[in-house]
Protein backbone atom coordinates (compact mmCIF):
# COMPACT_ATOMS: atom_id res chain seq x y z
CA MET A 1 -0.13 0.11 0.01
CA LEU A 2 1.24 3.45 -0.76
CA TRP A 3 1.25 5.57 2.29
CA LEU A 4 -1.02 8.67 2.25
CA ALA A 5 0.10 12.01 3.16
CA TRP A 6 -1.44 13.40 6.52
CA GLN A 7 -2.24 17.02 6.96
CA ALA A 8 -1.20 18.22 10.33
CA PRO A 9 -1.91 15.30 12.75
CA SER A 10 -1.85 15.74 16.48
CA PRO A 11 1.45 15.12 18.03
CA ASP A 12 -0.32 12.09 19.76
CA ALA A 13 -1.23 10.86 16.44
CA ALA A 14 1.64 11.12 14.75
CA GLN A 15 3.23 9.55 17.39
CA ARG A 16 1.27 6.79 17.60
CA MET A 17 1.22 6.28 13.51
CA GLU A 18 5.07 6.25 14.09
CA ALA A 19 4.63 3.17 16.46
CA ALA A 20 2.20 1.24 14.10
CA ARG A 21 4.65 1.70 11.48
CA HIS A 22 7.50 0.56 13.39
CA ALA A 23 5.39 -2.51 14.56
CA GLU A 24 4.23 -3.31 10.90
CA ALA A 25 7.90 -3.44 9.91
CA GLU A 26 8.57 -5.87 12.93
CA LYS A 27 5.65 -8.09 11.75
CA HIS A 28 4.11 -7.30 15.04
CA PHE A 29 0.55 -6.68 13.34
CA ASP A 30 -1.59 -7.24 16.65
CA VAL A 31 0.52 -4.07 18.04
CA ALA A 32 0.09 -2.08 14.49
CA VAL A 33 -3.91 -2.82 14.83
CA THR A 34 -3.88 -1.28 18.34
CA GLU A 35 -1.98 1.59 17.42
CA PHE A 36 -3.73 2.40 14.20
CA ARG A 37 -7.27 1.85 16.10
CA LYS A 38 -5.97 4.68 18.27
CA VAL A 39 -4.78 7.09 15.47
CA THR A 40 -8.40 6.75 14.25
CA GLU A 41 -9.68 7.63 17.49
CA LEU A 42 -7.52 10.80 17.56
CA GLU A 43 -8.01 11.49 13.92
CA PRO A 44 -11.49 10.56 12.73
CA GLY A 45 -11.39 12.28 9.83
CA SER A 46 -8.50 11.13 8.59
CA ALA A 47 -9.38 8.44 5.56
CA ALA A 48 -5.73 7.58 5.73
CA ALA A 49 -5.73 6.31 9.12
CA PHE A 50 -8.44 4.03 8.46
CA VAL A 51 -6.89 2.56 5.24
CA SER A 52 -4.07 1.84 7.42
CA LEU A 53 -6.03 0.22 9.91
CA GLY A 54 -7.62 -2.01 7.47
CA GLN A 55 -4.23 -3.00 5.74
CA ALA A 56 -2.93 -4.05 9.35
CA LEU A 57 -5.84 -6.18 10.02
CA ILE A 58 -5.71 -7.72 6.56
CA GLU A 59 -1.99 -8.54 7.49
CA GLU A 60 -3.24 -10.02 10.43
CA HIS A 61 -5.75 -12.09 8.47
CA ASP A 62 -8.58 -10.49 10.27
CA TYR A 63 -10.53 -9.76 6.99
CA GLY A 64 -13.85 -9.30 8.43
CA ALA A 65 -12.60 -6.74 10.80
CA ALA A 66 -10.54 -4.93 7.80
CA ILE A 67 -14.21 -4.23 6.12
CA GLN A 68 -15.67 -1.62 8.20
CA PRO A 69 -12.46 0.92 8.66
CA LEU A 70 -12.12 0.73 4.80
CA LYS A 71 -15.89 1.74 3.90
CA ARG A 72 -15.23 4.34 6.37
CA ALA A 73 -12.34 5.42 4.44
CA LEU A 74 -14.35 5.44 1.23
CA GLU A 75 -16.98 7.39 3.09
CA LEU A 76 -14.21 10.05 3.90
CA ASP A 77 -12.51 9.94 0.41
CA SER A 78 -14.18 7.77 -2.34
CA ASN A 79 -11.36 8.16 -4.65
CA LEU A 80 -8.74 6.65 -2.48
CA ALA A 81 -7.39 3.60 -4.64
CA PRO A 82 -5.56 1.75 -1.71
CA ALA A 83 -8.93 1.76 0.08
CA HIS A 84 -10.94 0.13 -2.77
CA GLN A 85 -8.22 -2.30 -3.44
CA LEU A 86 -7.90 -3.57 0.17
CA LEU A 87 -11.77 -3.88 0.44
CA GLY A 88 -11.97 -5.52 -2.56
CA TYR A 89 -9.51 -8.25 -1.04
CA ALA A 90 -11.18 -8.30 2.54
CA LEU A 91 -14.78 -8.76 0.74
CA LEU A 92 -13.53 -11.54 -1.51
CA ALA A 93 -11.64 -13.37 1.26
CA GLN A 94 -14.96 -13.20 3.33
CA GLY A 95 -17.24 -14.54 0.58
CA TYR A 96 -18.71 -11.17 -0.79
CA PRO A 97 -17.33 -11.66 -4.53
CA ALA A 98 -20.17 -9.90 -6.02
CA GLU A 99 -19.56 -6.75 -3.62
CA ALA A 100 -15.86 -6.93 -4.22
CA ILE A 101 -15.76 -6.64 -7.97
CA PRO A 102 -16.63 -2.88 -8.21
CA HIS A 103 -13.86 -1.98 -6.02
CA LEU A 104 -11.36 -4.53 -7.75
CA GLU A 105 -12.27 -3.15 -11.12
CA SER A 106 -11.95 0.37 -10.03
CA THR A 107 -8.15 -0.38 -9.33
CA HIS A 108 -7.36 -2.71 -12.13
CA GLU A 109 -6.49 -5.34 -10.02
CA GLN A 110 -7.08 -8.53 -12.19
CA ALA A 111 -5.92 -11.35 -10.34
CA ALA A 112 -8.46 -10.67 -7.45
CA LEU A 113 -10.99 -9.29 -10.07
CA GLY A 114 -10.61 -12.52 -12.05
CA ILE A 115 -11.02 -14.79 -8.83
CA ALA A 116 -13.97 -12.77 -7.70
CA GLN A 117 -15.62 -12.97 -11.50
CA ALA A 118 -15.23 -16.68 -11.38
CA GLU A 119 -16.91 -17.20 -8.46
CA THR A 120 -20.05 -14.90 -9.44
CA GLY A 121 -20.29 -16.98 -12.71
CA GLN A 122 -18.45 -14.58 -15.09
CA PHE A 123 -16.32 -17.01 -16.65
CA ALA A 124 -15.37 -15.47 -19.98
CA ALA A 125 -14.53 -11.80 -17.86
CA ALA A 126 -12.46 -14.28 -15.32
CA ILE A 127 -10.48 -15.94 -17.77
CA VAL A 128 -9.54 -12.77 -19.75
CA ASN A 129 -8.33 -11.16 -16.50
CA LEU A 130 -6.44 -14.49 -14.97
CA GLN A 131 -4.52 -14.78 -18.24
CA ALA A 132 -3.54 -11.16 -17.74
CA ALA A 133 -2.49 -11.70 -14.33
CA LEU A 134 -0.65 -14.74 -15.30
CA GLN A 135 1.46 -12.70 -17.81
CA LYS A 136 2.83 -10.47 -14.59
CA ARG A 137 3.05 -13.77 -12.23
CA PRO A 138 3.68 -16.77 -14.25
CA ASN A 139 3.18 -20.11 -12.50
CA ASP A 140 1.22 -18.66 -9.60
CA PRO A 141 -0.43 -21.71 -8.25
CA ASP A 142 -3.76 -19.71 -7.20
CA LEU A 143 -4.17 -18.15 -10.40
CA LEU A 144 -3.51 -21.35 -12.55
CA TYR A 145 -5.97 -23.15 -10.19
CA TYR A 146 -8.85 -20.53 -10.68
CA LEU A 147 -7.87 -20.13 -14.61
CA GLY A 148 -8.31 -23.92 -14.80
CA ARG A 149 -11.81 -23.98 -13.03
CA ALA A 150 -13.11 -20.83 -15.00
CA GLY A 151 -12.08 -22.59 -18.07
CA GLY A 152 -13.64 -25.63 -16.94
CA LEU A 153 -17.04 -24.05 -15.65
CA LEU A 154 -17.25 -22.15 -18.73
CA SER A 155 -16.89 -25.31 -20.58
CA LYS A 156 -19.44 -26.96 -18.62
CA GLN A 157 -21.90 -24.13 -19.13
CA SER A 158 -21.42 -23.96 -22.95
CA ILE A 159 -22.07 -27.75 -23.09
CA ASP A 160 -24.94 -27.52 -20.66
CA THR A 161 -26.34 -25.05 -23.03
CA LEU A 162 -25.85 -26.87 -26.00
CA LEU A 163 -27.61 -29.91 -24.46
CA ALA A 164 -30.66 -27.70 -23.24
CA ILE A 165 -31.38 -25.92 -26.83
CA SER A 166 -30.31 -28.66 -29.36
CA PRO A 167 -29.94 -32.08 -27.54
CA ASP A 168 -30.26 -33.98 -31.18
CA SER A 169 -27.62 -32.12 -32.94
CA ALA A 170 -24.45 -33.61 -33.98
CA ARG A 171 -22.51 -31.46 -31.54
CA ALA A 172 -24.75 -32.49 -28.51
CA HIS A 173 -23.99 -36.32 -29.44
CA GLN A 174 -20.32 -35.63 -29.81
CA SER A 175 -20.18 -33.69 -26.71
CA LEU A 176 -21.95 -36.79 -24.88
CA ALA A 177 -19.82 -39.24 -26.54
CA GLU A 178 -16.72 -37.30 -25.47
CA ASN A 179 -17.80 -37.37 -21.56
CA TYR A 180 -18.62 -41.21 -22.24
CA VAL A 181 -15.09 -41.56 -23.03
CA VAL A 182 -13.60 -39.85 -20.21
CA LEU A 183 -15.92 -42.34 -18.21
CA ARG A 184 -14.49 -45.06 -19.87
CA GLN A 185 -18.01 -45.97 -20.94
CA MET A 186 -17.12 -47.11 -24.39
CA PRO A 187 -20.37 -48.76 -25.76
CA GLU A 188 -22.22 -45.82 -25.07
CA ALA A 189 -19.62 -43.22 -26.16
CA GLU A 190 -19.64 -45.71 -29.69
CA LYS A 191 -23.27 -45.15 -30.12
CA GLU A 192 -23.31 -41.22 -29.62
CA TYR A 193 -20.34 -40.98 -32.07
CA GLN A 194 -22.30 -42.73 -34.49
CA GLN A 195 -25.52 -40.59 -33.93
CA ALA A 196 -23.52 -37.55 -34.49
CA LEU A 197 -21.85 -38.79 -37.78
CA ALA A 198 -25.22 -39.79 -39.10
CA SER A 199 -26.44 -36.50 -38.79
CA ARG A 200 -23.27 -34.46 -39.80
CA PRO A 201 -20.40 -36.80 -41.38
CA ASP A 202 -18.16 -33.93 -42.32
CA ILE A 203 -17.68 -32.57 -38.82
CA PRO A 204 -13.70 -32.64 -38.28
CA ASN A 205 -12.49 -34.98 -35.85
CA LEU A 206 -15.43 -36.90 -35.34
CA HIS A 207 -14.13 -39.98 -37.17
CA LEU A 208 -10.96 -39.63 -35.20
CA GLU A 209 -12.55 -39.89 -32.01
CA LEU A 210 -14.77 -42.76 -33.01
CA GLY A 211 -11.55 -44.40 -34.30
CA HIS A 212 -9.78 -43.85 -30.69
CA VAL A 213 -13.05 -45.67 -29.44
CA TYR A 214 -12.27 -48.78 -31.56
CA ALA A 215 -8.57 -48.61 -31.16
CA SER A 216 -9.35 -48.71 -27.16
CA THR A 217 -11.02 -51.93 -27.72
CA SER A 218 -8.52 -53.33 -30.12
CA ARG A 219 -11.14 -53.23 -32.83
CA TRP A 220 -8.41 -52.52 -35.39
CA PRO A 221 -9.97 -52.92 -38.66
CA LEU A 222 -13.12 -50.43 -37.71
CA ALA A 223 -10.41 -48.28 -35.99
CA GLU A 224 -8.56 -48.08 -39.58
CA GLY A 225 -11.90 -47.37 -41.39
CA GLN A 226 -12.47 -44.27 -39.45
CA PHE A 227 -8.80 -43.08 -39.31
CA ARG A 228 -8.85 -43.35 -43.17
CA ALA A 229 -11.93 -41.59 -43.48
CA GLU A 230 -10.65 -38.70 -41.13
CA THR A 231 -7.51 -38.53 -43.33
CA LYS A 232 -9.72 -38.01 -46.48
CA LEU A 233 -11.55 -35.30 -44.61
CA GLN A 234 -8.41 -33.55 -43.11
CA PRO A 235 -5.49 -34.42 -45.40
CA GLY A 236 -3.21 -32.24 -43.42
CA ASN A 237 -3.83 -33.65 -40.22
CA ALA A 238 -0.77 -35.58 -38.72
CA GLU A 239 -2.64 -37.11 -36.13
CA ALA A 240 -5.00 -38.92 -38.05
CA GLU A 241 -2.39 -40.14 -40.27
CA TYR A 242 -0.31 -41.18 -37.48
CA ARG A 243 -3.21 -43.11 -36.18
CA LEU A 244 -4.26 -44.78 -39.42
CA GLY A 245 -0.61 -45.68 -39.81
CA ASP A 246 -0.53 -47.42 -36.19
CA ALA A 247 -3.87 -49.12 -36.81
CA LEU A 248 -2.46 -50.67 -39.73
CA LEU A 249 0.85 -51.55 -38.04
CA GLN A 250 -1.51 -53.46 -35.46
CA GLN A 251 -2.96 -55.49 -38.13
CA GLY A 252 0.45 -56.44 -39.35
CA LYS A 253 0.31 -54.20 -42.67
CA ALA A 254 3.96 -52.82 -41.93
CA LYS A 255 4.32 -51.53 -45.68
CA GLU A 256 1.16 -49.41 -45.75
CA ALA A 257 1.53 -48.38 -42.32
CA LYS A 258 5.14 -47.30 -43.25
CA ALA A 259 3.47 -44.86 -46.27
CA GLU A 260 1.15 -43.45 -43.84
CA LEU A 261 3.64 -42.79 -40.90
CA GLU A 262 5.84 -41.18 -43.13
CA ARG A 263 3.23 -38.95 -44.39
CA SER A 264 2.29 -38.06 -40.81
CA ASP A 265 5.98 -37.45 -40.01
CA ARG A 266 6.29 -34.99 -43.22
CA LEU A 267 3.09 -33.08 -41.83
CA LEU A 268 4.60 -33.14 -38.35
CA PRO A 269 8.38 -33.66 -38.28
CA GLN A 270 9.57 -35.52 -34.97
CA MET A 271 6.41 -36.58 -33.52
CA PRO A 272 7.64 -39.23 -30.76
CA GLU A 273 4.70 -41.39 -31.27
CA THR A 274 5.14 -41.37 -34.89
CA LEU A 275 8.76 -42.07 -34.93
CA TYR A 276 8.63 -45.14 -32.32
CA ALA A 277 5.55 -46.53 -34.65
CA LEU A 278 7.38 -45.91 -38.32
CA GLY A 279 10.82 -47.57 -36.41
CA LYS A 280 8.63 -50.73 -35.78
CA ALA A 281 7.24 -50.61 -39.20
CA ASP A 282 11.00 -50.34 -40.61
CA ALA A 283 11.81 -53.29 -38.35
CA LEU A 284 9.02 -55.34 -39.83
CA GLU A 285 10.03 -54.68 -43.12
CA GLY A 286 13.24 -55.78 -42.48
CA ASP A 287 14.86 -52.47 -42.95
CA SER A 288 17.27 -52.56 -39.82
CA VAL A 289 19.30 -49.53 -40.74
CA ALA A 290 15.88 -47.12 -41.14
CA ALA A 291 14.53 -48.58 -38.00
CA GLU A 292 17.83 -48.08 -35.80
CA LYS A 293 17.88 -44.41 -37.36
CA THR A 294 14.46 -43.67 -36.72
CA TRP A 295 14.56 -44.74 -33.03
CA MET A 296 17.80 -43.27 -32.63
CA THR A 297 16.15 -39.97 -33.60
CA LEU A 298 13.37 -40.61 -31.02
CA LEU A 299 15.89 -41.17 -28.14
CA SER A 300 17.54 -37.77 -29.18
CA ILE A 301 13.70 -36.24 -28.69
CA GLU A 302 12.75 -38.34 -25.71
CA LYS A 303 14.99 -39.71 -23.02
CA GLU A 304 12.48 -40.78 -20.51
CA GLY A 305 9.13 -42.29 -20.55
CA GLU A 306 7.24 -45.40 -22.05
CA LEU A 307 8.32 -44.41 -25.73
CA ALA A 308 11.83 -44.32 -24.89
CA ALA A 309 11.58 -47.60 -23.14
CA GLN A 310 10.11 -49.30 -26.19
CA ALA A 311 12.82 -47.72 -28.41
CA HIS A 312 15.57 -48.95 -26.20
CA PHE A 313 13.73 -52.37 -26.40
CA GLY A 314 13.38 -52.60 -30.31
CA LEU A 315 17.17 -51.34 -30.27
CA ALA A 316 18.29 -54.28 -28.10
CA GLY A 317 16.41 -56.61 -30.64
CA LEU A 318 18.07 -55.04 -33.73
CA TYR A 319 21.49 -55.23 -32.19
CA ARG A 320 21.04 -58.77 -30.93
CA LYS A 321 20.22 -60.06 -34.42
CA GLN A 322 23.14 -58.36 -35.81
CA GLY A 323 25.33 -60.00 -33.05
CA LYS A 324 26.39 -56.76 -31.50
CA THR A 325 26.01 -58.24 -28.09
CA ALA A 326 27.36 -55.32 -26.00
CA GLU A 327 25.03 -52.65 -27.74
CA ALA A 328 22.22 -55.18 -27.17
CA GLU A 329 22.70 -55.16 -23.46
CA ALA A 330 23.37 -51.69 -22.90
CA HIS A 331 19.85 -50.68 -24.87
CA MET A 332 18.13 -53.62 -22.55
CA ARG A 333 19.63 -51.90 -19.14
CA GLU A 334 18.07 -48.74 -20.16
CA PHE A 335 15.09 -50.42 -21.22
CA GLN A 336 14.69 -51.96 -17.49
CA ARG A 337 15.90 -48.95 -15.92
CA LEU A 338 13.00 -46.90 -17.65
CA ARG A 339 10.28 -49.69 -16.91
CA SER A 340 11.57 -49.94 -13.25
CA SER A 341 11.35 -45.91 -12.87
CA SER A 342 7.56 -46.15 -14.38
CA SER A 343 6.71 -48.83 -11.91
CA ALA A 344 7.95 -46.96 -9.04
CA ASN A 345 6.15 -43.64 -10.09
């Protein structure tokens, strides 16, 4: 808070004020509260005294008690920005976000304003302010939490409106399907995706999402069909190309898979999932040189995790076939290390 200039306070008030400031500096906020309260009694017309009392009470986390002196400060001087800011904080902390908003708006206090807006259901406005606040305070846990919460609630609000006004639309069925996927209720998800496609088969990503449902239950021919439909609808979609290649690979169609995976890699170079699958397709086709190169590229990008473990396992198999025992054992040790690390986590 900016200290406010006083106009000729009494000697006793000035002494009390100095004692209060000293107590604050020493973090003896209970003493500061006592001294500031005495100052307000000695100088009942001083808005600055009431602001100082309110701030000390907030420092002591007594937000409820801070509200009244801060309101009194604004009665004496309605233009005091520190009073508006502190009163906004106090009201928000006490569960009065709607009352806090005008005070926080007047001081452009975006972090607290975004939180208050999220608490009052103004999710779109909250997201704008919280994102702006995060630019000034990156990685702030509270801001990240409230931004995520506001985004989730805004999404739910939009979906609820969609389901209420257009329950039979393709988008409504798609939304229901996505919820079923999260709940791992795949038969219900499949049904909703099929209904969405029956209504609007040209919606981007619908075939891709239904393909995921089939892939999750290892129905690879059906997954292949959906992924292929998506690649025709969106020929520039690298994920659709990768998924089609992977579905072909799962069915032992290595040559066809390789063509799709190479196209995916051209669309979005060095995506680890594509590189692993492409290396596997090369290995199945007997091209050990290409498989080794692809998997080594993957390991230069991703040194930890499941894909790295599988790349080490694949390389161990390649080197074992070539009689390179030391190399094979080294990659097998890395595979086992990564697997052990994954199990421990």
